Amino acid sequence: MKHLICIAKKYRYLMLLYLFMGFCRAFAQSFSSRYFQKIIDNFSSHSLKITHIAVYGSAIIALYVVCYLLQYPERKLELLPDQVDAARQCNTCAGKCNNNEIHRKITEKF
């Protein structure tokens, strides 16, 4: 458990960024679908303006940009279970093992 807390402290800003970008992605998806309905309603009533299309296009582009940027923290945090397993293996042998790969993983990541 202490390894998880240590990792959470080290990567707290990355985790907060991941959560914030997840909320932004959810908001952009909700906004774009709701705004698309507004465009359809305005088109059927013949009151569609170019600004509505520009706002909708911007929302779609922002959604794709956020989804692309979300990959960085997701891939970085994806490696954390390997770090925890390596730390547990090293602690079970109390540092007396000769497995240099485990010790190298820990020193590189922590």
PDB file of N, CA and C in Angstrom:
ATOM      1  N   MET A   1       0.814  -1.194   0.000  1.00  0.00           N
ATOM      2  CA  MET A   1       0.000   0.000   0.000  1.00  0.00           C
ATOM      3  C   MET A   1       0.859   1.259   0.000  1.00  0.00           C
ATOM      4  N   LYS A   2       1.990   1.211   0.698  1.00  0.00           N
ATOM      5  CA  LYS A   2       2.831   2.406   0.749  1.00  0.00           C
ATOM      6  C   LYS A   2       3.429   2.723  -0.612  1.00  0.00           C
ATOM      7  N   HIS A   3       3.569   1.695  -1.466  1.00  0.00           N
ATOM      8  CA  HIS A   3       4.084   1.937  -2.806  1.00  0.00           C
ATOM      9  C   HIS A   3       3.063   2.698  -3.645  1.00  0.00           C
ATOM     10  N   LEU A   4       1.791   2.364  -3.461  1.00  0.00           N
ATOM     11  CA  LEU A   4       0.743   3.076  -4.186  1.00  0.00           C
ATOM     12  C   LEU A   4       0.665   4.534  -3.750  1.00  0.00           C
ATOM     13  N   ILE A   5       0.813   4.784  -2.469  1.00  0.00           N
ATOM     14  CA  ILE A   5       0.788   6.156  -1.965  1.00  0.00           C
ATOM     15  C   ILE A   5       1.985   6.931  -2.488  1.00  0.00           C
ATOM     16  N   CYS A   6       3.137   6.292  -2.511  1.00  0.00           N
ATOM     17  CA  CYS A   6       4.346   6.930  -3.029  1.00  0.00           C
ATOM     18  C   CYS A   6       4.184   7.280  -4.509  1.00  0.00           C
ATOM     19  N   ILE A   7       3.640   6.368  -5.265  1.00  0.00           N
ATOM     20  CA  ILE A   7       3.421   6.611  -6.694  1.00  0.00           C
ATOM     21  C   ILE A   7       2.372   7.703  -6.889  1.00  0.00           C
ATOM     22  N   ALA A   8       1.321   7.682  -6.079  1.00  0.00           N
ATOM     23  CA  ALA A   8       0.272   8.704  -6.187  1.00  0.00           C
ATOM     24  C   ALA A   8       0.824  10.089  -5.862  1.00  0.00           C
ATOM     25  N   LYS A   9       1.713  10.174  -4.890  1.00  0.00           N
ATOM     26  CA  LYS A   9       2.322  11.465  -4.561  1.00  0.00           C
ATOM     27  C   LYS A   9       3.223  11.947  -5.688  1.00  0.00           C
ATOM     28  N   LYS A  10       3.966  11.022  -6.274  1.00  0.00           N
ATOM     29  CA  LYS A  10       4.899  11.407  -7.331  1.00  0.00           C
ATOM     30  C   LYS A  10       4.164  11.860  -8.589  1.00  0.00           C
ATOM     31  N   TYR A  11       3.074  11.199  -8.930  1.00  0.00           N
ATOM     32  CA  TYR A  11       2.353  11.484 -10.163  1.00  0.00           C
ATOM     33  C   TYR A  11       1.034  12.203  -9.906  1.00  0.00           C
ATOM     34  N   ARG A  12       0.923  12.956  -8.813  1.00  0.00           N
ATOM     35  CA  ARG A  12      -0.353  13.595  -8.484  1.00  0.00           C
ATOM     36  C   ARG A  12      -0.767  14.625  -9.530  1.00  0.00           C
ATOM     37  N   TYR A  13       0.184  15.375 -10.070  1.00  0.00           N
ATOM     38  CA  TYR A  13      -0.185  16.373 -11.085  1.00  0.00           C
ATOM     39  C   TYR A  13      -0.611  15.704 -12.385  1.00  0.00           C
ATOM     40  N   LEU A  14       0.032  14.605 -12.713  1.00  0.00           N
ATOM     41  CA  LEU A  14      -0.358  13.871 -13.910  1.00  0.00           C
ATOM     42  C   LEU A  14      -1.744  13.257 -13.738  1.00  0.00           C
ATOM     43  N   MET A  15      -2.036  12.766 -12.542  1.00  0.00           N
ATOM     44  CA  MET A  15      -3.359  12.213 -12.270  1.00  0.00           C
ATOM     45  C   MET A  15      -4.428  13.303 -12.290  1.00  0.00           C
ATOM     46  N   LEU A  16      -4.119  14.463 -11.734  1.00  0.00           N
ATOM     47  CA  LEU A  16      -5.072  15.571 -11.774  1.00  0.00           C
ATOM     48  C   LEU A  16      -5.300  16.055 -13.207  1.00  0.00           C
ATOM     49  N   LEU A  17      -4.236  16.090 -13.994  1.00  0.00           N
ATOM     50  CA  LEU A  17      -4.369  16.455 -15.405  1.00  0.00           C
ATOM     51  C   LEU A  17      -5.236  15.452 -16.139  1.00  0.00           C
ATOM     52  N   TYR A  18      -5.049  14.180 -15.841  1.00  0.00           N
ATOM     53  CA  TYR A  18      -5.844  13.125 -16.468  1.00  0.00           C
ATOM     54  C   TYR A  18      -7.329  13.272 -16.117  1.00  0.00           C
ATOM     55  N   LEU A  19      -7.621  13.534 -14.855  1.00  0.00           N
ATOM     56  CA  LEU A  19      -9.008  13.732 -14.435  1.00  0.00           C
ATOM     57  C   LEU A  19      -9.617  14.978 -15.072  1.00  0.00           C
ATOM     58  N   PHE A  20      -8.859  16.079 -15.077  1.00  0.00           N
ATOM     59  CA  PHE A  20      -9.353  17.319 -15.663  1.00  0.00           C
ATOM     60  C   PHE A  20      -9.638  17.151 -17.152  1.00  0.00           C
ATOM     61  N   MET A  21      -8.735  16.483 -17.859  1.00  0.00           N
ATOM     62  CA  MET A  21      -8.938  16.286 -19.291  1.00  0.00           C
ATOM     63  C   MET A  21     -10.088  15.323 -19.555  1.00  0.00           C
ATOM     64  N   GLY A  22     -10.313  14.381 -18.662  1.00  0.00           N
ATOM     65  CA  GLY A  22     -11.465  13.495 -18.791  1.00  0.00           C
ATOM     66  C   GLY A  22     -12.771  14.257 -18.648  1.00  0.00           C
ATOM     67  N   PHE A  23     -12.809  15.196 -17.689  1.00  0.00           N
ATOM     68  CA  PHE A  23     -13.995  16.032 -17.540  1.00  0.00           C
ATOM     69  C   PHE A  23     -14.193  16.927 -18.768  1.00  0.00           C
ATOM     70  N   CYS A  24     -13.094  17.471 -19.289  1.00  0.00           N
ATOM     71  CA  CYS A  24     -13.186  18.305 -20.494  1.00  0.00           C
ATOM     72  C   CYS A  24     -13.712  17.498 -21.672  1.00  0.00           C
ATOM     73  N   ARG A  25     -13.250  16.270 -21.792  1.00  0.00           N
ATOM     74  CA  ARG A  25     -13.714  15.415 -22.887  1.00  0.00           C
ATOM     75  C   ARG A  25     -15.202  15.120 -22.758  1.00  0.00           C
ATOM     76  N   ALA A  26     -15.649  14.808 -21.553  1.00  0.00           N
ATOM     77  CA  ALA A  26     -17.075  14.536 -21.336  1.00  0.00           C
ATOM     78  C   ALA A  26     -17.912  15.778 -21.625  1.00  0.00           C
ATOM     79  N   PHE A  27     -17.427  16.939 -21.197  1.00  0.00           N
ATOM     80  CA  PHE A  27     -18.150  18.178 -21.458  1.00  0.00           C
ATOM     81  C   PHE A  27     -18.215  18.456 -22.964  1.00  0.00           C
ATOM     82  N   ALA A  28     -17.101  18.277 -23.666  1.00  0.00           N
ATOM     83  CA  ALA A  28     -17.071  18.538 -25.108  1.00  0.00           C
ATOM     84  C   ALA A  28     -18.001  17.593 -25.857  1.00  0.00           C
ATOM     85  N   GLN A  29     -18.054  16.338 -25.431  1.00  0.00           N
ATOM     86  CA  GLN A  29     -18.966  15.398 -26.080  1.00  0.00           C
ATOM     87  C   GLN A  29     -20.419  15.801 -25.856  1.00  0.00           C
ATOM     88  N   SER A  30     -20.740  16.168 -24.640  1.00  0.00           N
ATOM     89  CA  SER A  30     -22.111  16.571 -24.323  1.00  0.00           C
ATOM     90  C   SER A  30     -22.476  17.860 -25.061  1.00  0.00           C
ATOM     91  N   PHE A  31     -21.561  18.818 -25.053  1.00  0.00           N
ATOM     92  CA  PHE A  31     -21.817  20.090 -25.717  1.00  0.00           C
ATOM     93  C   PHE A  31     -21.993  19.907 -27.219  1.00  0.00           C
ATOM     94  N   SER A  32     -21.140  19.093 -27.830  1.00  0.00           N
ATOM     95  CA  SER A  32     -21.220  18.941 -29.286  1.00  0.00           C
ATOM     96  C   SER A  32     -22.507  18.234 -29.705  1.00  0.00           C
ATOM     97  N   SER A  33     -22.942  17.255 -28.942  1.00  0.00           N
ATOM     98  CA  SER A  33     -24.194  16.582 -29.316  1.00  0.00           C
ATOM     99  C   SER A  33     -25.399  17.499 -29.109  1.00  0.00           C
ATOM    100  N   ARG A  34     -25.374  18.291 -28.041  1.00  0.00           N
ATOM    101  CA  ARG A  34     -26.470  19.218 -27.795  1.00  0.00           C
ATOM    102  C   ARG A  34     -26.481  20.346 -28.835  1.00  0.00           C
ATOM    103  N   TYR A  35     -25.306  20.808 -29.202  1.00  0.00           N
ATOM    104  CA  TYR A  35     -25.226  21.885 -30.188  1.00  0.00           C
ATOM    105  C   TYR A  35     -25.593  21.377 -31.577  1.00  0.00           C
ATOM    106  N   PHE A  36     -25.286  20.119 -31.859  1.00  0.00           N
ATOM    107  CA  PHE A  36     -25.693  19.541 -33.138  1.00  0.00           C
ATOM    108  C   PHE A  36     -27.208  19.523 -33.263  1.00  0.00           C
ATOM    109  N   GLN A  37     -27.885  19.220 -32.172  1.00  0.00           N
ATOM    110  CA  GLN A  37     -29.348  19.261 -32.175  1.00  0.00           C
ATOM    111  C   GLN A  37     -29.844  20.679 -32.440  1.00  0.00           C
ATOM    112  N   LYS A  38     -29.161  21.665 -31.890  1.00  0.00           N
ATOM    113  CA  LYS A  38     -29.519  23.061 -32.130  1.00  0.00           C
ATOM    114  C   LYS A  38     -29.335  23.416 -33.604  1.00  0.00           C
ATOM    115  N   ILE A  39     -28.279  22.924 -34.226  1.00  0.00           N
ATOM    116  CA  ILE A  39     -28.044  23.183 -35.645  1.00  0.00           C
ATOM    117  C   ILE A  39     -29.149  22.555 -36.492  1.00  0.00           C
ATOM    118  N   ILE A  40     -29.522  21.343 -36.149  1.00  0.00           N
ATOM    119  CA  ILE A  40     -30.598  20.681 -36.896  1.00  0.00           C
ATOM    120  C   ILE A  40     -31.908  21.457 -36.755  1.00  0.00           C
ATOM    121  N   ASP A  41     -32.219  21.923 -35.540  1.00  0.00           N
ATOM    122  CA  ASP A  41     -33.442  22.701 -35.326  1.00  0.00           C
ATOM    123  C   ASP A  41     -33.407  24.014 -36.109  1.00  0.00           C
ATOM    124  N   ASN A  42     -32.263  24.677 -36.086  1.00  0.00           N
ATOM    125  CA  ASN A  42     -32.150  25.942 -36.828  1.00  0.00           C
ATOM    126  C   ASN A  42     -32.203  25.709 -38.335  1.00  0.00           C
ATOM    127  N   PHE A  43     -31.665  24.609 -38.793  1.00  0.00           N
ATOM    128  CA  PHE A  43     -31.709  24.310 -40.223  1.00  0.00           C
ATOM    129  C   PHE A  43     -33.144  24.060 -40.687  1.00  0.00           C
ATOM    130  N   SER A  44     -33.902  23.350 -39.857  1.00  0.00           N
ATOM    131  CA  SER A  44     -35.287  23.062 -40.236  1.00  0.00           C
ATOM    132  C   SER A  44     -36.169  24.305 -40.190  1.00  0.00           C
ATOM    133  N   SER A  45     -35.816  25.262 -39.342  1.00  0.00           N
ATOM    134  CA  SER A  45     -36.592  26.508 -39.274  1.00  0.00           C
ATOM    135  C   SER A  45     -36.001  27.604 -40.165  1.00  0.00           C
ATOM    136  N   HIS A  46     -34.997  27.260 -40.975  1.00  0.00           N
ATOM    137  CA  HIS A  46     -34.353  28.183 -41.922  1.00  0.00           C
ATOM    138  C   HIS A  46     -33.716  29.388 -41.233  1.00  0.00           C
ATOM    139  N   SER A  47     -33.191  29.190 -40.044  1.00  0.00           N
ATOM    140  CA  SER A  47     -32.518  30.288 -39.337  1.00  0.00           C
ATOM    141  C   SER A  47     -31.081  29.913 -38.966  1.00  0.00           C
ATOM    142  N   LEU A  48     -30.492  29.052 -39.746  1.00  0.00           N
ATOM    143  CA  LEU A  48     -29.121  28.611 -39.471  1.00  0.00           C
ATOM    144  C   LEU A  48     -28.126  29.697 -39.851  1.00  0.00           C
ATOM    145  N   LYS A  49     -27.220  29.991 -38.950  1.00  0.00           N
ATOM    146  CA  LYS A  49     -26.186  31.009 -39.183  1.00  0.00           C
ATOM    147  C   LYS A  49     -24.833  30.321 -39.262  1.00  0.00           C
ATOM    148  N   ILE A  50     -23.912  31.017 -39.890  1.00  0.00           N
ATOM    149  CA  ILE A  50     -22.561  30.475 -40.044  1.00  0.00           C
ATOM    150  C   ILE A  50     -21.852  30.378 -38.687  1.00  0.00           C
ATOM    151  N   THR A  51     -22.224  31.245 -37.746  1.00  0.00           N
ATOM    152  CA  THR A  51     -21.596  31.191 -36.422  1.00  0.00           C
ATOM    153  C   THR A  51     -21.957  29.896 -35.701  1.00  0.00           C
ATOM    154  N   HIS A  52     -23.174  29.393 -35.907  1.00  0.00           N
ATOM    155  CA  HIS A  52     -23.562  28.124 -35.281  1.00  0.00           C
ATOM    156  C   HIS A  52     -22.695  26.987 -35.817  1.00  0.00           C
ATOM    157  N   ILE A  53     -22.464  27.006 -37.110  1.00  0.00           N
ATOM    158  CA  ILE A  53     -21.625  25.962 -37.711  1.00  0.00           C
ATOM    159  C   ILE A  53     -20.186  26.094 -37.227  1.00  0.00           C
ATOM    160  N   ALA A  54     -19.697  27.329 -37.090  1.00  0.00           N
ATOM    161  CA  ALA A  54     -18.329  27.556 -36.611  1.00  0.00           C
ATOM    162  C   ALA A  54     -18.162  27.090 -35.163  1.00  0.00           C
ATOM    163  N   VAL A  55     -19.151  27.368 -34.333  1.00  0.00           N
ATOM    164  CA  VAL A  55     -19.078  26.929 -32.927  1.00  0.00           C
ATOM    165  C   VAL A  55     -19.100  25.413 -32.852  1.00  0.00           C
ATOM    166  N   TYR A  56     -19.966  24.795 -33.636  1.00  0.00           N
ATOM    167  CA  TYR A  56     -20.030  23.329 -33.637  1.00  0.00           C
ATOM    168  C   TYR A  56     -18.724  22.731 -34.154  1.00  0.00           C
ATOM    169  N   GLY A  57     -18.179  23.287 -35.212  1.00  0.00           N
ATOM    170  CA  GLY A  57     -16.889  22.804 -35.737  1.00  0.00           C
ATOM    171  C   GLY A  57     -15.773  22.967 -34.729  1.00  0.00           C
ATOM    172  N   SER A  58     -15.767  24.091 -34.022  1.00  0.00           N
ATOM    173  CA  SER A  58     -14.758  24.311 -32.983  1.00  0.00           C
ATOM    174  C   SER A  58     -14.895  23.291 -31.856  1.00  0.00           C
ATOM    175  N   ALA A  59     -16.122  22.985 -31.494  1.00  0.00           N
ATOM    176  CA  ALA A  59     -16.352  21.997 -30.430  1.00  0.00           C
ATOM    177  C   ALA A  59     -15.872  20.615 -30.851  1.00  0.00           C
ATOM    178  N   ILE A  60     -16.109  20.257 -32.100  1.00  0.00           N
ATOM    179  CA  ILE A  60     -15.648  18.954 -32.585  1.00  0.00           C
ATOM    180  C   ILE A  60     -14.125  18.905 -32.630  1.00  0.00           C
ATOM    181  N   ILE A  61     -13.507  19.973 -33.106  1.00  0.00           N
ATOM    182  CA  ILE A  61     -12.034  20.018 -33.151  1.00  0.00           C
ATOM    183  C   ILE A  61     -11.459  19.964 -31.743  1.00  0.00           C
ATOM    184  N   ALA A  62     -12.063  20.714 -30.814  1.00  0.00           N
ATOM    185  CA  ALA A  62     -11.597  20.688 -29.421  1.00  0.00           C
ATOM    186  C   ALA A  62     -11.729  19.294 -28.821  1.00  0.00           C
ATOM    187  N   LEU A  63     -12.808  18.607 -29.152  1.00  0.00           N
ATOM    188  CA  LEU A  63     -13.000  17.249 -28.646  1.00  0.00           C
ATOM    189  C   LEU A  63     -11.885  16.323 -29.127  1.00  0.00           C
ATOM    190  N   TYR A  64     -11.558  16.406 -30.392  1.00  0.00           N
ATOM    191  CA  TYR A  64     -10.497  15.547 -30.923  1.00  0.00           C
ATOM    192  C   TYR A  64      -9.123  15.921 -30.370  1.00  0.00           C
ATOM    193  N   VAL A  65      -8.892  17.191 -30.155  1.00  0.00           N
ATOM    194  CA  VAL A  65      -7.616  17.621 -29.576  1.00  0.00           C
ATOM    195  C   VAL A  65      -7.493  17.110 -28.141  1.00  0.00           C
ATOM    196  N   VAL A  66      -8.565  17.223 -27.366  1.00  0.00           N
ATOM    197  CA  VAL A  66      -8.538  16.732 -25.981  1.00  0.00           C
ATOM    198  C   VAL A  66      -8.344  15.216 -25.957  1.00  0.00           C
ATOM    199  N   CYS A  67      -9.017  14.502 -26.854  1.00  0.00           N
ATOM    200  CA  CYS A  67      -8.844  13.046 -26.909  1.00  0.00           C
ATOM    201  C   CYS A  67      -7.406  12.680 -27.266  1.00  0.00           C
ATOM    202  N   TYR A  68      -6.803  13.448 -28.151  1.00  0.00           N
ATOM    203  CA  TYR A  68      -5.405  13.193 -28.517  1.00  0.00           C
ATOM    204  C   TYR A  68      -4.474  13.496 -27.352  1.00  0.00           C
ATOM    205  N   LEU A  69      -4.688  14.628 -26.692  1.00  0.00           N
ATOM    206  CA  LEU A  69      -3.836  15.005 -25.573  1.00  0.00           C
ATOM    207  C   LEU A  69      -4.035  14.101 -24.366  1.00  0.00           C
ATOM    208  N   LEU A  70      -5.181  13.484 -24.265  1.00  0.00           N
ATOM    209  CA  LEU A  70      -5.474  12.582 -23.155  1.00  0.00           C
ATOM    210  C   LEU A  70      -4.620  11.319 -23.214  1.00  0.00           C
ATOM    211  N   GLN A  71      -4.076  11.027 -24.375  1.00  0.00           N
ATOM    212  CA  GLN A  71      -3.264   9.820 -24.530  1.00  0.00           C
ATOM    213  C   GLN A  71      -1.968   9.889 -23.733  1.00  0.00           C
ATOM    214  N   TYR A  72      -1.377  11.081 -23.574  1.00  0.00           N
ATOM    215  CA  TYR A  72      -0.108  11.180 -22.854  1.00  0.00           C
ATOM    216  C   TYR A  72      -0.237  10.737 -21.395  1.00  0.00           C
ATOM    217  N   PRO A  73      -1.117  11.352 -20.595  1.00  0.00           N
ATOM    218  CA  PRO A  73      -1.198  10.878 -19.206  1.00  0.00           C
ATOM    219  C   PRO A  73      -1.713   9.451 -19.104  1.00  0.00           C
ATOM    220  N   GLU A  74      -2.577   9.054 -20.039  1.00  0.00           N
ATOM    221  CA  GLU A  74      -3.107   7.695 -19.992  1.00  0.00           C
ATOM    222  C   GLU A  74      -2.000   6.665 -20.182  1.00  0.00           C
ATOM    223  N   ARG A  75      -1.131   6.889 -21.146  1.00  0.00           N
ATOM    224  CA  ARG A  75      -0.027   5.951 -21.394  1.00  0.00           C
ATOM    225  C   ARG A  75       1.014   6.017 -20.283  1.00  0.00           C
ATOM    226  N   LYS A  76       1.242   7.195 -19.747  1.00  0.00           N
ATOM    227  CA  LYS A  76       2.217   7.345 -18.666  1.00  0.00           C
ATOM    228  C   LYS A  76       1.724   6.635 -17.402  1.00  0.00           C
ATOM    229  N   LEU A  77       0.438   6.774 -17.091  1.00  0.00           N
ATOM    230  CA  LEU A  77      -0.117   6.145 -15.902  1.00  0.00           C
ATOM    231  C   LEU A  77      -0.358   4.658 -16.104  1.00  0.00           C
ATOM    232  N   GLU A  78      -0.407   4.225 -17.341  1.00  0.00           N
ATOM    233  CA  GLU A  78      -0.609   2.809 -17.642  1.00  0.00           C
ATOM    234  C   GLU A  78       0.562   1.961 -17.162  1.00  0.00           C
ATOM    235  N   LEU A  79       1.737   2.540 -17.064  1.00  0.00           N
ATOM    236  CA  LEU A  79       2.933   1.814 -16.647  1.00  0.00           C
ATOM    237  C   LEU A  79       3.031   1.640 -15.136  1.00  0.00           C
ATOM    238  N   LEU A  80       2.179   2.301 -14.382  1.00  0.00           N
ATOM    239  CA  LEU A  80       2.281   2.261 -12.923  1.00  0.00           C
ATOM    240  C   LEU A  80       2.097   0.877 -12.312  1.00  0.00           C
ATOM    241  N   PRO A  81       1.196   0.014 -12.798  1.00  0.00           N
ATOM    242  CA  PRO A  81       1.104  -1.320 -12.193  1.00  0.00           C
ATOM    243  C   PRO A  81       2.412  -2.117 -12.298  1.00  0.00           C
ATOM    244  N   ASP A  82       3.164  -1.917 -13.377  1.00  0.00           N
ATOM    245  CA  ASP A  82       4.462  -2.588 -13.492  1.00  0.00           C
ATOM    246  C   ASP A  82       5.427  -2.094 -12.431  1.00  0.00           C
ATOM    247  N   GLN A  83       5.369  -0.809 -12.133  1.00  0.00           N
ATOM    248  CA  GLN A  83       6.248  -0.257 -11.110  1.00  0.00           C
ATOM    249  C   GLN A  83       5.901  -0.811  -9.731  1.00  0.00           C
ATOM    250  N   VAL A  84       4.627  -0.939  -9.451  1.00  0.00           N
ATOM    251  CA  VAL A  84       4.204  -1.465  -8.151  1.00  0.00           C
ATOM    252  C   VAL A  84       4.624  -2.921  -8.014  1.00  0.00           C
ATOM    253  N   ASP A  85       4.453  -3.713  -9.069  1.00  0.00           N
ATOM    254  CA  ASP A  85       4.867  -5.118  -9.023  1.00  0.00           C
ATOM    255  C   ASP A  85       6.370  -5.242  -8.819  1.00  0.00           C
ATOM    256  N   ALA A  86       7.142  -4.406  -9.496  1.00  0.00           N
ATOM    257  CA  ALA A  86       8.590  -4.448  -9.342  1.00  0.00           C
ATOM    258  C   ALA A  86       9.007  -4.063  -7.928  1.00  0.00           C
ATOM    259  N   ALA A  87       8.325  -3.069  -7.342  1.00  0.00           N
ATOM    260  CA  ALA A  87       8.645  -2.656  -5.974  1.00  0.00           C
ATOM    261  C   ALA A  87       8.280  -3.749  -4.976  1.00  0.00           C
ATOM    262  N   ARG A  88       7.164  -4.422  -5.204  1.00  0.00           N
ATOM    263  CA  ARG A  88       6.778  -5.511  -4.303  1.00  0.00           C
ATOM    264  C   ARG A  88       7.762  -6.666  -4.387  1.00  0.00           C
ATOM    265  N   GLN A  89       8.207  -6.990  -5.587  1.00  0.00           N
ATOM    266  CA  GLN A  89       9.179  -8.075  -5.736  1.00  0.00           C
ATOM    267  C   GLN A  89      10.481  -7.730  -5.026  1.00  0.00           C
ATOM    268  N   CYS A  90      10.874  -6.502  -5.127  1.00  0.00           N
ATOM    269  CA  CYS A  90      12.121  -6.099  -4.485  1.00  0.00           C
ATOM    270  C   CYS A  90      11.975  -6.127  -2.967  1.00  0.00           C
ATOM    271  N   ASN A  91      10.832  -5.723  -2.441  1.00  0.00           N
ATOM    272  CA  ASN A  91      10.626  -5.729  -0.997  1.00  0.00           C
ATOM    273  C   ASN A  91      10.475  -7.136  -0.439  1.00  0.00           C
ATOM    274  N   THR A  92       9.977  -8.079  -1.227  1.00  0.00           N
ATOM    275  CA  THR A  92       9.828  -9.432  -0.708  1.00  0.00           C
ATOM    276  C   THR A  92      11.190 -10.071  -0.479  1.00  0.00           C
ATOM    277  N   CYS A  93      12.157  -9.675  -1.271  1.00  0.00           N
ATOM    278  CA  CYS A  93      13.485 -10.238  -1.052  1.00  0.00           C
ATOM    279  C   CYS A  93      14.331  -9.314  -0.186  1.00  0.00           C
ATOM    280  N   ALA A  94      13.735  -8.213   0.290  1.00  0.00           N
ATOM    281  CA  ALA A  94      14.383  -7.270   1.208  1.00  0.00           C
ATOM    282  C   ALA A  94      15.688  -6.718   0.652  1.00  0.00           C
ATOM    283  N   GLY A  95      15.762  -6.549  -0.647  1.00  0.00           N
ATOM    284  CA  GLY A  95      16.946  -5.962  -1.255  1.00  0.00           C
ATOM    285  C   GLY A  95      18.124  -6.906  -1.375  1.00  0.00           C
ATOM    286  N   LYS A  96      17.936  -8.173  -1.049  1.00  0.00           N
ATOM    287  CA  LYS A  96      19.044  -9.119  -1.077  1.00  0.00           C
ATOM    288  C   LYS A  96      19.109  -9.900  -2.377  1.00  0.00           C
ATOM    289  N   CYS A  97      18.138  -9.708  -3.249  1.00  0.00           N
ATOM    290  CA  CYS A  97      18.142 -10.485  -4.481  1.00  0.00           C
ATOM    291  C   CYS A  97      19.169  -9.921  -5.464  1.00  0.00           C
ATOM    292  N   ASN A  98      19.561 -10.730  -6.378  1.00  0.00           N
ATOM    293  CA  ASN A  98      20.556 -10.327  -7.357  1.00  0.00           C
ATOM    294  C   ASN A  98      19.923  -9.999  -8.705  1.00  0.00           C
ATOM    295  N   ASN A  99      18.647  -9.800  -8.716  1.00  0.00           N
ATOM    296  CA  ASN A  99      17.957  -9.506  -9.965  1.00  0.00           C
ATOM    297  C   ASN A  99      18.119  -8.023 -10.265  1.00  0.00           C
ATOM    298  N   ASN A 100      19.074  -7.705 -11.112  1.00  0.00           N
ATOM    299  CA  ASN A 100      19.384  -6.316 -11.423  1.00  0.00           C
ATOM    300  C   ASN A 100      18.271  -5.635 -12.207  1.00  0.00           C
ATOM    301  N   GLU A 101      17.485  -6.411 -12.946  1.00  0.00           N
ATOM    302  CA  GLU A 101      16.415  -5.817 -13.746  1.00  0.00           C
ATOM    303  C   GLU A 101      15.352  -5.197 -12.850  1.00  0.00           C
ATOM    304  N   ILE A 102      15.017  -5.872 -11.761  1.00  0.00           N
ATOM    305  CA  ILE A 102      14.009  -5.338 -10.838  1.00  0.00           C
ATOM    306  C   ILE A 102      14.527  -4.054 -10.199  1.00  0.00           C
ATOM    307  N   HIS A 103      15.763  -4.077  -9.727  1.00  0.00           N
ATOM    308  CA  HIS A 103      16.329  -2.887  -9.098  1.00  0.00           C
ATOM    309  C   HIS A 103      16.480  -1.747 -10.098  1.00  0.00           C
ATOM    310  N   ARG A 104      16.793  -2.061 -11.326  1.00  0.00           N
ATOM    311  CA  ARG A 104      16.922  -1.029 -12.363  1.00  0.00           C
ATOM    312  C   ARG A 104      15.564  -0.388 -12.632  1.00  0.00           C
ATOM    313  N   LYS A 105      14.499  -1.194 -12.685  1.00  0.00           N
ATOM    314  CA  LYS A 105      13.154  -0.653 -12.920  1.00  0.00           C
ATOM    315  C   LYS A 105      12.770   0.324 -11.809  1.00  0.00           C
ATOM    316  N   ILE A 106      13.066  -0.055 -10.594  1.00  0.00           N
ATOM    317  CA  ILE A 106      12.680   0.769  -9.461  1.00  0.00           C
ATOM    318  C   ILE A 106      13.465   2.078  -9.451  1.00  0.00           C
ATOM    319  N   THR A 107      14.747   2.000  -9.678  1.00  0.00           N
ATOM    320  CA  THR A 107      15.541   3.221  -9.632  1.00  0.00           C
ATOM    321  C   THR A 107      15.244   4.136 -10.804  1.00  0.00           C
ATOM    322  N   GLU A 108      14.858   3.579 -11.952  1.00  0.00           N
ATOM    323  CA  GLU A 108      14.506   4.427 -13.081  1.00  0.00           C
ATOM    324  C   GLU A 108      13.181   5.131 -12.863  1.00  0.00           C
ATOM    325  N   LYS A 109      12.214   4.440 -12.305  1.00  0.00           N
ATOM    326  CA  LYS A 109      10.863   4.961 -12.214  1.00  0.00           C
ATOM    327  C   LYS A 109      10.607   5.768 -10.956  1.00  0.00           C
ATOM    328  N   PHE A 110      11.289   5.481  -9.874  1.00  0.00           N
ATOM    329  CA  PHE A 110      11.033   6.186  -8.618  1.00  0.00           C
ATOM    330  C   PHE A 110      12.027   7.271  -8.399  1.00  0.00           C
TER     331      PHE A 110
END
